[in-house]
């Protein structure tokens, strides 16, 4: 169970940087997010073989989870900022940082665990347990598409 939750957390952290890109207008970023969201809904609905009612309930809860995790990340944002002079930080401050990071991870795991358990109301247990693996597969799909897109941009096209 811990392995499953840890994998879910890794997926969540891995998707976030893929979605935030520099040098892209807000309109393009918004369109990209919409396309990814549409792809996510279709992917999960197909893989979990959800009915329209199940899909609606599932994605309402999934969106709540994403919002809760985003709020949690904002609360612990200070942990991610790099200090300009790490030598000036005392051992006590480092220990506090480690403790706070551990609290953050625990809260994030708790959120993901409760989400999966809440999904038992919507999906049967077998499908609910598959959610973490499907998240992993979706992340892999996005990364593969991104790699393909980068490859296409790097490869000169023959227009002769």
N, C-alpha and C. Protein backbone atom coordinates (compact mmCIF):
# COMPACT_ATOMS: atom_id res chain seq x y z
N UNK A 1 0.82 -1.18 0.00
CA UNK A 1 0.00 0.00 0.00
C UNK A 1 0.88 1.26 0.00
N UNK A 2 1.96 1.25 0.77
CA UNK A 2 2.87 2.39 0.81
C UNK A 2 3.50 2.60 -0.56
N UNK A 3 3.83 1.51 -1.22
CA UNK A 3 4.45 1.60 -2.54
C UNK A 3 3.49 2.24 -3.53
N UNK A 4 2.23 1.86 -3.45
CA UNK A 4 1.20 2.40 -4.32
C UNK A 4 1.03 3.90 -4.09
N UNK A 5 1.00 4.31 -2.85
CA UNK A 5 0.85 5.73 -2.54
C UNK A 5 2.09 6.52 -2.96
N UNK A 6 3.24 5.96 -2.74
CA UNK A 6 4.47 6.63 -3.14
C UNK A 6 4.50 6.84 -4.65
N UNK A 7 4.09 5.84 -5.41
CA UNK A 7 4.03 5.93 -6.86
C UNK A 7 3.07 7.03 -7.28
N UNK A 8 1.93 7.10 -6.62
CA UNK A 8 0.95 8.14 -6.92
C UNK A 8 1.55 9.53 -6.70
N UNK A 9 2.28 9.68 -5.62
CA UNK A 9 2.91 10.97 -5.35
C UNK A 9 3.94 11.33 -6.41
N UNK A 10 4.74 10.36 -6.79
CA UNK A 10 5.73 10.62 -7.83
C UNK A 10 5.07 11.07 -9.12
N UNK A 11 3.98 10.45 -9.47
CA UNK A 11 3.26 10.81 -10.69
C UNK A 11 2.76 12.25 -10.60
N UNK A 12 2.19 12.59 -9.48
CA UNK A 12 1.67 13.94 -9.31
C UNK A 12 2.78 14.98 -9.44
N UNK A 13 3.93 14.71 -8.85
CA UNK A 13 5.04 15.65 -8.94
C UNK A 13 5.65 15.69 -10.34
N UNK A 14 5.60 14.59 -11.05
CA UNK A 14 6.21 14.55 -12.37
C UNK A 14 5.37 15.26 -13.41
N UNK A 15 4.07 15.25 -13.25
CA UNK A 15 3.21 15.90 -14.24
C UNK A 15 3.27 17.41 -14.12
N UNK A 16 3.39 17.93 -12.92
CA UNK A 16 3.38 19.37 -12.70
C UNK A 16 4.43 20.11 -13.53
N UNK A 17 5.70 19.69 -13.54
CA UNK A 17 6.68 20.42 -14.36
C UNK A 17 6.40 20.30 -15.86
N UNK A 18 5.82 19.20 -16.28
CA UNK A 18 5.52 19.03 -17.70
C UNK A 18 4.45 20.00 -18.15
N UNK A 19 3.58 20.38 -17.25
CA UNK A 19 2.50 21.28 -17.61
C UNK A 19 2.91 22.74 -17.57
N UNK A 20 3.93 23.09 -16.81
CA UNK A 20 4.34 24.49 -16.71
C UNK A 20 5.55 24.72 -17.60
N UNK A 21 5.34 25.49 -18.64
CA UNK A 21 6.43 25.76 -19.56
C UNK A 21 6.60 27.25 -19.72
N UNK A 22 7.83 27.69 -19.92
CA UNK A 22 8.13 29.10 -20.11
C UNK A 22 8.00 29.45 -21.58
N UNK A 23 7.96 30.74 -21.85
CA UNK A 23 7.88 31.26 -23.22
C UNK A 23 6.63 30.80 -23.95
N UNK A 24 5.57 30.59 -23.23
CA UNK A 24 4.31 30.20 -23.83
C UNK A 24 3.26 31.18 -23.32
N UNK A 25 2.47 31.72 -24.22
CA UNK A 25 1.47 32.69 -23.80
C UNK A 25 0.42 32.01 -22.92
N UNK A 26 -0.29 32.82 -22.17
CA UNK A 26 -1.33 32.27 -21.28
C UNK A 26 -2.41 31.57 -22.08
N UNK A 27 -2.73 32.09 -23.26
CA UNK A 27 -3.75 31.47 -24.10
C UNK A 27 -3.30 30.08 -24.56
N UNK A 28 -2.06 29.98 -25.00
CA UNK A 28 -1.52 28.69 -25.42
C UNK A 28 -1.46 27.72 -24.25
N UNK A 29 -1.05 28.23 -23.10
CA UNK A 29 -0.97 27.39 -21.90
C UNK A 29 -2.37 26.89 -21.52
N UNK A 30 -3.34 27.78 -21.61
CA UNK A 30 -4.72 27.41 -21.29
C UNK A 30 -5.24 26.35 -22.26
N UNK A 31 -4.95 26.52 -23.54
CA UNK A 31 -5.36 25.53 -24.54
C UNK A 31 -4.69 24.18 -24.28
N UNK A 32 -3.42 24.22 -23.94
CA UNK A 32 -2.68 22.99 -23.65
C UNK A 32 -3.29 22.28 -22.44
N UNK A 33 -3.60 23.05 -21.39
CA UNK A 33 -4.21 22.46 -20.20
C UNK A 33 -5.56 21.84 -20.54
N UNK A 34 -6.32 22.51 -21.38
CA UNK A 34 -7.63 21.97 -21.79
C UNK A 34 -7.47 20.67 -22.56
N UNK A 35 -6.49 20.62 -23.46
CA UNK A 35 -6.25 19.39 -24.23
C UNK A 35 -5.81 18.26 -23.32
N UNK A 36 -4.94 18.56 -22.37
CA UNK A 36 -4.47 17.54 -21.44
C UNK A 36 -5.62 17.05 -20.57
N UNK A 37 -6.45 17.97 -20.12
CA UNK A 37 -7.60 17.58 -19.29
C UNK A 37 -8.57 16.70 -20.08
N UNK A 38 -8.82 17.05 -21.33
CA UNK A 38 -9.69 16.22 -22.17
C UNK A 38 -9.10 14.84 -22.37
N UNK A 39 -7.81 14.79 -22.63
CA UNK A 39 -7.12 13.51 -22.80
C UNK A 39 -7.16 12.70 -21.51
N UNK A 40 -6.98 13.36 -20.38
CA UNK A 40 -7.01 12.68 -19.07
C UNK A 40 -8.39 12.06 -18.82
N UNK A 41 -9.42 12.82 -19.09
CA UNK A 41 -10.78 12.32 -18.85
C UNK A 41 -11.06 11.11 -19.75
N UNK A 42 -10.70 11.23 -21.02
CA UNK A 42 -10.93 10.12 -21.93
C UNK A 42 -10.11 8.89 -21.53
N UNK A 43 -8.86 9.11 -21.16
CA UNK A 43 -7.97 8.01 -20.79
C UNK A 43 -8.49 7.27 -19.56
N UNK A 44 -8.80 8.01 -18.51
CA UNK A 44 -9.28 7.38 -17.28
C UNK A 44 -10.64 6.71 -17.48
N UNK A 45 -11.52 7.38 -18.22
CA UNK A 45 -12.85 6.82 -18.45
C UNK A 45 -12.75 5.50 -19.20
N UNK A 46 -11.88 5.45 -20.19
CA UNK A 46 -11.70 4.22 -20.96
C UNK A 46 -11.05 3.13 -20.12
N UNK A 47 -9.95 3.48 -19.45
CA UNK A 47 -9.20 2.47 -18.69
C UNK A 47 -10.01 1.91 -17.51
N UNK A 48 -10.79 2.76 -16.87
CA UNK A 48 -11.58 2.31 -15.72
C UNK A 48 -12.98 1.85 -16.13
N UNK A 49 -13.25 1.92 -17.43
CA UNK A 49 -14.55 1.51 -17.96
C UNK A 49 -15.68 2.11 -17.15
N UNK A 50 -15.66 3.43 -17.03
CA UNK A 50 -16.65 4.14 -16.21
C UNK A 50 -17.88 4.51 -17.03
N UNK A 51 -19.00 4.49 -16.36
CA UNK A 51 -20.24 5.00 -16.95
C UNK A 51 -20.19 6.52 -16.85
N UNK A 52 -21.06 7.22 -17.58
CA UNK A 52 -21.06 8.69 -17.48
C UNK A 52 -21.27 9.19 -16.03
N UNK A 53 -22.15 8.54 -15.28
CA UNK A 53 -22.37 8.95 -13.89
C UNK A 53 -21.13 8.72 -13.03
N UNK A 54 -20.50 7.57 -13.21
CA UNK A 54 -19.28 7.27 -12.47
C UNK A 54 -18.19 8.27 -12.83
N UNK A 55 -18.08 8.58 -14.11
CA UNK A 55 -17.07 9.51 -14.58
C UNK A 55 -17.26 10.89 -13.96
N UNK A 56 -18.48 11.37 -13.95
CA UNK A 56 -18.77 12.68 -13.38
C UNK A 56 -18.39 12.73 -11.91
N UNK A 57 -18.81 11.73 -11.15
CA UNK A 57 -18.50 11.69 -9.72
C UNK A 57 -16.99 11.53 -9.48
N UNK A 58 -16.36 10.67 -10.27
CA UNK A 58 -14.93 10.41 -10.12
C UNK A 58 -14.12 11.69 -10.36
N UNK A 59 -14.39 12.39 -11.45
CA UNK A 59 -13.59 13.57 -11.77
C UNK A 59 -13.89 14.75 -10.86
N UNK A 60 -15.09 14.79 -10.28
CA UNK A 60 -15.37 15.81 -9.27
C UNK A 60 -14.45 15.59 -8.06
N UNK A 61 -14.33 14.35 -7.65
CA UNK A 61 -13.44 14.03 -6.51
C UNK A 61 -11.97 14.19 -6.88
N UNK A 62 -11.62 13.82 -8.10
CA UNK A 62 -10.23 13.96 -8.55
C UNK A 62 -9.84 15.44 -8.59
N UNK A 63 -10.76 16.29 -9.04
CA UNK A 63 -10.48 17.73 -9.06
C UNK A 63 -10.33 18.28 -7.65
N UNK A 64 -11.14 17.79 -6.72
CA UNK A 64 -11.00 18.19 -5.31
C UNK A 64 -9.63 17.79 -4.78
N UNK A 65 -9.19 16.58 -5.14
CA UNK A 65 -7.87 16.12 -4.72
C UNK A 65 -6.78 17.03 -5.27
N UNK A 66 -6.85 17.35 -6.54
CA UNK A 66 -5.84 18.21 -7.16
C UNK A 66 -5.82 19.59 -6.50
N UNK A 67 -6.99 20.13 -6.19
CA UNK A 67 -7.06 21.43 -5.52
C UNK A 67 -6.45 21.33 -4.12
N UNK A 68 -6.76 20.27 -3.41
CA UNK A 68 -6.22 20.09 -2.05
C UNK A 68 -4.70 19.97 -2.08
N UNK A 69 -4.19 19.24 -3.06
CA UNK A 69 -2.73 19.08 -3.18
C UNK A 69 -2.09 20.42 -3.58
N UNK A 70 -2.74 21.17 -4.47
CA UNK A 70 -2.21 22.48 -4.85
C UNK A 70 -2.18 23.42 -3.65
N UNK A 71 -3.23 23.40 -2.83
CA UNK A 71 -3.25 24.22 -1.62
C UNK A 71 -2.15 23.81 -0.66
N UNK A 72 -1.95 22.51 -0.54
CA UNK A 72 -0.90 22.00 0.34
C UNK A 72 0.48 22.45 -0.16
N UNK A 73 0.68 22.39 -1.47
CA UNK A 73 1.97 22.82 -2.03
C UNK A 73 2.20 24.30 -1.78
N UNK A 74 1.15 25.11 -1.90
CA UNK A 74 1.29 26.55 -1.63
C UNK A 74 1.70 26.78 -0.18
N UNK A 75 1.08 26.01 0.71
CA UNK A 75 1.37 26.15 2.14
C UNK A 75 2.84 25.83 2.44
N UNK A 76 3.38 24.85 1.73
CA UNK A 76 4.76 24.42 1.98
C UNK A 76 5.73 24.92 0.90
N UNK A 77 5.34 25.94 0.14
CA UNK A 77 6.17 26.47 -0.94
C UNK A 77 7.54 26.92 -0.44
N UNK A 78 7.57 27.48 0.75
CA UNK A 78 8.83 27.98 1.29
C UNK A 78 9.89 26.89 1.43
N UNK A 79 9.48 25.66 1.48
CA UNK A 79 10.45 24.56 1.59
C UNK A 79 11.21 24.33 0.30
N UNK A 80 10.62 24.77 -0.81
CA UNK A 80 11.23 24.51 -2.12
C UNK A 80 12.21 25.58 -2.55
N UNK A 81 12.15 26.75 -1.91
CA UNK A 81 13.04 27.83 -2.33
C UNK A 81 14.45 27.56 -1.84
N UNK A 82 15.40 27.85 -2.69
CA UNK A 82 16.81 27.63 -2.35
C UNK A 82 17.32 28.84 -1.56
N UNK A 83 18.11 28.57 -0.58
CA UNK A 83 18.71 29.62 0.22
C UNK A 83 19.98 30.10 -0.50
N UNK A 84 20.19 31.42 -0.46
CA UNK A 84 21.35 31.98 -1.15
C UNK A 84 22.67 31.58 -0.50
N UNK A 85 22.66 31.44 0.80
CA UNK A 85 23.88 31.07 1.51
C UNK A 85 23.58 29.88 2.43
N UNK A 86 23.69 28.66 1.90
CA UNK A 86 23.36 27.48 2.71
C UNK A 86 24.23 27.32 3.94
N UNK A 87 25.44 27.88 3.92
CA UNK A 87 26.33 27.76 5.08
C UNK A 87 25.82 28.57 6.27
N UNK A 88 24.97 29.56 6.00
CA UNK A 88 24.45 30.42 7.06
C UNK A 88 23.27 29.78 7.79
N UNK A 89 22.82 28.64 7.31
CA UNK A 89 21.67 27.98 7.91
C UNK A 89 22.17 27.02 9.00
N UNK A 90 21.57 27.13 10.15
CA UNK A 90 22.00 26.30 11.28
C UNK A 90 21.44 24.88 11.14
N UNK A 91 22.03 23.99 11.92
CA UNK A 91 21.55 22.60 11.94
C UNK A 91 20.10 22.54 12.41
N UNK A 92 19.76 23.42 13.35
CA UNK A 92 18.39 23.44 13.87
C UNK A 92 17.41 23.81 12.75
N UNK A 93 17.77 24.79 11.93
CA UNK A 93 16.90 25.21 10.81
C UNK A 93 16.79 24.08 9.78
N UNK A 94 17.88 23.39 9.53
CA UNK A 94 17.82 22.24 8.62
C UNK A 94 16.90 21.16 9.17
N UNK A 95 17.00 20.90 10.46
CA UNK A 95 16.15 19.89 11.10
C UNK A 95 14.68 20.28 10.99
N UNK A 96 14.39 21.56 11.18
CA UNK A 96 13.01 22.03 11.04
C UNK A 96 12.51 21.84 9.60
N UNK A 97 13.39 22.13 8.66
CA UNK A 97 13.03 21.95 7.24
C UNK A 97 12.73 20.50 6.91
N UNK A 98 13.54 19.61 7.43
CA UNK A 98 13.32 18.17 7.20
C UNK A 98 12.00 17.74 7.82
N UNK A 99 11.73 18.21 9.02
CA UNK A 99 10.47 17.87 9.70
C UNK A 99 9.28 18.39 8.90
N UNK A 100 9.38 19.61 8.42
CA UNK A 100 8.28 20.19 7.64
C UNK A 100 8.08 19.45 6.32
N UNK A 101 9.17 19.05 5.67
CA UNK A 101 9.05 18.28 4.43
C UNK A 101 8.36 16.94 4.69
N UNK A 102 8.73 16.32 5.80
CA UNK A 102 8.11 15.04 6.18
C UNK A 102 6.61 15.23 6.43
N UNK A 103 6.24 16.32 7.11
CA UNK A 103 4.83 16.62 7.34
C UNK A 103 4.09 16.81 6.02
N UNK A 104 4.72 17.53 5.10
CA UNK A 104 4.12 17.77 3.79
C UNK A 104 3.87 16.45 3.06
N UNK A 105 4.87 15.60 3.02
CA UNK A 105 4.74 14.30 2.34
C UNK A 105 3.65 13.45 2.99
N UNK A 106 3.61 13.44 4.31
CA UNK A 106 2.60 12.67 5.02
C UNK A 106 1.20 13.17 4.68
N UNK A 107 1.02 14.48 4.68
CA UNK A 107 -0.29 15.05 4.36
C UNK A 107 -0.68 14.73 2.91
N UNK A 108 0.29 14.77 2.04
CA UNK A 108 0.01 14.46 0.63
C UNK A 108 -0.37 12.99 0.46
N UNK A 109 0.33 12.12 1.15
CA UNK A 109 0.00 10.69 1.11
C UNK A 109 -1.39 10.47 1.68
N UNK A 110 -1.70 11.16 2.77
CA UNK A 110 -3.03 11.03 3.38
C UNK A 110 -4.12 11.47 2.40
N UNK A 111 -3.88 12.57 1.69
CA UNK A 111 -4.86 13.04 0.71
C UNK A 111 -5.08 12.00 -0.39
N UNK A 112 -4.00 11.45 -0.90
CA UNK A 112 -4.10 10.44 -1.96
C UNK A 112 -4.77 9.16 -1.45
N UNK A 113 -4.45 8.78 -0.24
CA UNK A 113 -5.07 7.58 0.35
C UNK A 113 -6.57 7.77 0.51
N UNK A 114 -6.96 8.90 1.05
CA UNK A 114 -8.39 9.13 1.26
C UNK A 114 -9.12 9.24 -0.07
N UNK A 115 -8.46 9.76 -1.11
CA UNK A 115 -9.08 9.82 -2.43
C UNK A 115 -9.38 8.41 -2.95
N UNK A 116 -8.41 7.53 -2.85
CA UNK A 116 -8.61 6.17 -3.34
C UNK A 116 -9.71 5.48 -2.54
N UNK A 117 -9.70 5.66 -1.23
CA UNK A 117 -10.74 5.06 -0.40
C UNK A 117 -12.12 5.65 -0.71
N UNK A 118 -12.17 6.95 -0.98
CA UNK A 118 -13.44 7.59 -1.35
C UNK A 118 -13.96 7.06 -2.69
N UNK A 119 -13.06 6.65 -3.53
CA UNK A 119 -13.46 6.14 -4.85
C UNK A 119 -14.18 4.79 -4.74
N UNK A 120 -14.06 4.13 -3.60
CA UNK A 120 -14.79 2.87 -3.40
C UNK A 120 -16.30 3.12 -3.46
N UNK A 121 -16.74 4.35 -3.15
CA UNK A 121 -18.16 4.68 -3.26
C UNK A 121 -18.60 4.78 -4.72
N UNK A 122 -17.68 5.11 -5.59
CA UNK A 122 -18.00 5.34 -7.00
C UNK A 122 -17.71 4.10 -7.83
N UNK A 123 -16.53 3.53 -7.62
CA UNK A 123 -16.07 2.39 -8.40
C UNK A 123 -15.97 1.17 -7.49
N UNK A 124 -15.94 0.01 -8.09
CA UNK A 124 -15.69 -1.17 -7.26
C UNK A 124 -14.22 -1.15 -6.84
N UNK A 125 -13.89 -1.96 -5.86
CA UNK A 125 -12.55 -1.96 -5.27
C UNK A 125 -11.46 -2.25 -6.31
N UNK A 126 -11.74 -3.17 -7.22
CA UNK A 126 -10.74 -3.54 -8.23
C UNK A 126 -10.35 -2.34 -9.09
N UNK A 127 -11.36 -1.59 -9.53
CA UNK A 127 -11.08 -0.42 -10.37
C UNK A 127 -10.45 0.71 -9.55
N UNK A 128 -10.88 0.86 -8.32
CA UNK A 128 -10.31 1.93 -7.48
C UNK A 128 -8.82 1.69 -7.22
N UNK A 129 -8.45 0.46 -7.02
CA UNK A 129 -7.05 0.13 -6.78
C UNK A 129 -6.20 0.41 -8.03
N UNK A 130 -6.80 0.31 -9.20
CA UNK A 130 -6.08 0.53 -10.45
C UNK A 130 -5.78 2.01 -10.73
N UNK A 131 -6.39 2.90 -9.98
CA UNK A 131 -6.25 4.34 -10.23
C UNK A 131 -4.78 4.76 -10.25
N UNK A 132 -4.01 4.33 -9.29
CA UNK A 132 -2.59 4.73 -9.21
C UNK A 132 -1.82 4.25 -10.43
N UNK A 133 -2.07 3.03 -10.86
CA UNK A 133 -1.38 2.50 -12.03
C UNK A 133 -1.80 3.25 -13.30
N UNK A 134 -3.07 3.60 -13.38
CA UNK A 134 -3.56 4.34 -14.54
C UNK A 134 -2.97 5.75 -14.56
N UNK A 135 -2.82 6.37 -13.38
CA UNK A 135 -2.16 7.68 -13.30
C UNK A 135 -0.73 7.57 -13.84
N UNK A 136 -0.06 6.51 -13.47
CA UNK A 136 1.31 6.28 -13.94
C UNK A 136 1.33 6.12 -15.46
N UNK A 137 0.40 5.34 -15.99
CA UNK A 137 0.32 5.14 -17.44
C UNK A 137 0.01 6.45 -18.16
N UNK A 138 -0.86 7.27 -17.57
CA UNK A 138 -1.21 8.55 -18.19
C UNK A 138 0.00 9.48 -18.20
N UNK A 139 0.73 9.50 -17.11
CA UNK A 139 1.94 10.32 -17.05
C UNK A 139 2.94 9.88 -18.13
N UNK A 140 3.09 8.58 -18.28
CA UNK A 140 3.99 8.04 -19.30
C UNK A 140 3.52 8.46 -20.70
N UNK A 141 2.22 8.40 -20.93
CA UNK A 141 1.66 8.83 -22.22
C UNK A 141 1.99 10.29 -22.49
N UNK A 142 1.81 11.15 -21.49
CA UNK A 142 2.11 12.57 -21.66
C UNK A 142 3.59 12.80 -21.95
N UNK A 143 4.44 12.10 -21.21
CA UNK A 143 5.88 12.25 -21.43
C UNK A 143 6.29 11.77 -22.83
N UNK A 144 5.69 10.66 -23.27
CA UNK A 144 5.98 10.16 -24.61
C UNK A 144 5.54 11.17 -25.68
N UNK A 145 4.37 11.76 -25.49
CA UNK A 145 3.89 12.77 -26.44
C UNK A 145 4.80 13.99 -26.44
N UNK A 146 5.26 14.37 -25.26
CA UNK A 146 6.15 15.52 -25.18
C UNK A 146 7.48 15.23 -25.88
N UNK A 147 8.02 14.03 -25.65
CA UNK A 147 9.27 13.65 -26.31
C UNK A 147 9.10 13.65 -27.83
N UNK A 148 7.97 13.12 -28.28
CA UNK A 148 7.68 13.08 -29.72
C UNK A 148 7.58 14.49 -30.29
N UNK A 149 6.96 15.37 -29.57
CA UNK A 149 6.81 16.76 -30.00
C UNK A 149 8.18 17.45 -30.09
N UNK A 150 9.02 17.21 -29.10
CA UNK A 150 10.37 17.79 -29.10
C UNK A 150 11.18 17.25 -30.27
N UNK A 151 11.04 15.94 -30.51
CA UNK A 151 11.75 15.32 -31.64
C UNK A 151 11.32 15.92 -32.97
N UNK A 152 10.01 16.15 -33.12
CA UNK A 152 9.49 16.73 -34.36
C UNK A 152 10.01 18.15 -34.57
N UNK A 153 10.14 18.91 -33.48
CA UNK A 153 10.63 20.28 -33.58
C UNK A 153 12.11 20.30 -33.92
N UNK A 154 12.86 19.31 -33.45
CA UNK A 154 14.29 19.27 -33.69
C UNK A 154 14.63 18.74 -35.08
N UNK A 155 13.78 17.90 -35.63
CA UNK A 155 14.04 17.30 -36.93
C UNK A 155 13.62 18.27 -38.02
N UNK A 156 14.57 18.63 -38.89
CA UNK A 156 14.19 19.55 -39.99
C UNK A 156 13.26 18.83 -40.97
N UNK A 157 12.26 19.54 -41.42
CA UNK A 157 11.32 18.95 -42.36
C UNK A 157 11.79 19.20 -43.78
N UNK A 158 11.58 18.21 -44.62
CA UNK A 158 11.96 18.32 -46.03
C UNK A 158 10.79 18.90 -46.81
N UNK A 159 10.96 20.10 -47.34
CA UNK A 159 9.89 20.75 -48.12
C UNK A 159 10.33 20.93 -49.57
N UNK A 160 10.95 19.95 -50.11
CA UNK A 160 11.44 20.07 -51.48
C UNK A 160 10.53 19.35 -52.42
